Protein backbone atom coordinates (compact mmCIF):
# COMPACT_ATOMS: atom_id res chain seq x y z
CA THR A 1 -14.63 7.90 31.64
CA SER A 2 -18.34 7.32 33.59
CA ASP A 3 -20.22 10.73 32.41
CA PHE A 4 -21.91 8.56 29.92
CA GLY A 5 -22.41 5.46 32.40
CA VAL A 6 -20.07 3.15 30.41
CA ALA A 7 -16.65 2.56 31.95
CA ILE A 8 -14.36 2.88 29.43
CA ALA A 9 -10.43 2.20 30.26
CA ASP A 10 -8.40 6.15 29.60
CA LYS A 11 -6.47 3.97 26.92
CA ILE A 12 -7.47 1.35 24.05
CA TYR A 13 -5.01 -1.04 22.69
CA PRO A 14 -5.38 -2.07 19.39
CA ALA A 15 -5.52 -5.91 19.05
CA PHE A 16 -4.28 -7.43 16.15
CA PRO A 17 -2.31 -10.49 14.95
CA PRO A 18 1.27 -9.87 14.29
CA LYS A 19 0.34 -12.98 10.79
CA LEU A 20 -2.34 -10.12 9.96
CA ILE A 21 0.12 -6.83 9.85
CA ILE A 22 2.91 -8.98 8.17
CA GLY A 23 0.28 -10.10 5.70
CA THR A 24 -0.64 -6.89 4.83
CA ILE A 25 2.59 -5.82 4.14
CA LEU A 26 3.64 -8.22 2.24
CA PHE A 27 0.74 -7.13 0.05
CA ILE A 28 1.11 -4.00 -0.26
CA ILE A 29 4.93 -4.56 -1.06
CA LEU A 30 3.60 -7.13 -3.72
CA ILE A 31 0.48 -4.64 -4.90
CA THR A 32 3.23 -2.27 -5.38
CA ALA A 33 5.41 -3.76 -7.34
CA TRP A 34 2.87 -5.70 -9.97
CA VAL A 35 1.41 -2.58 -10.78
CA SER A 36 4.86 -0.50 -10.83
CA TYR A 37 6.03 -2.92 -13.75
CA LEU A 38 2.62 -3.02 -15.79
CA PRO A 39 3.62 0.70 -17.20
CA ALA A 40 7.57 0.26 -16.40
CA ARG A 41 7.12 -3.24 -18.95
CA LYS A 42 5.44 -1.01 -21.92
CA ILE A 43 8.53 1.74 -21.53
CA VAL A 44 11.21 -0.38 -21.85
CA LYS A 45 9.90 -1.22 -25.04
CA MET A 46 9.86 2.11 -25.90
CA ASN A 47 12.45 4.74 -27.53
CA PRO A 48 13.82 6.24 -24.65
CA THR A 49 13.44 9.93 -25.79
CA ASP A 50 9.80 9.19 -26.25
CA ALA A 51 9.77 7.81 -23.16
CA ILE A 52 11.54 10.40 -21.69
CA LYS A 53 8.72 12.92 -23.54
CA GLY A 54 6.29 10.81 -22.05
CA LYS A 55 4.81 9.97 -25.45
CA ILE A 56 3.20 6.60 -24.55
CA GLN A 57 1.34 5.17 -27.62
C-alpha cells in the first residue's frame, strides 16, 4: 500500500530454508524426549502405588 509512501506487496511470504525447518523440528523432538525421560527415569524406580499417588521422593 502506498499510504505511507513505501511500496509493500499485498502478500509477504516467509523465506525459511528447509534445513532450518527440519533442524528446528528435530531439535524440538530431541528436547521433548530428553525432558520426558528425566522424570520417567526416577518414577520407574518407585513403587507403582506411590508413583500413582504422586509421592515422589
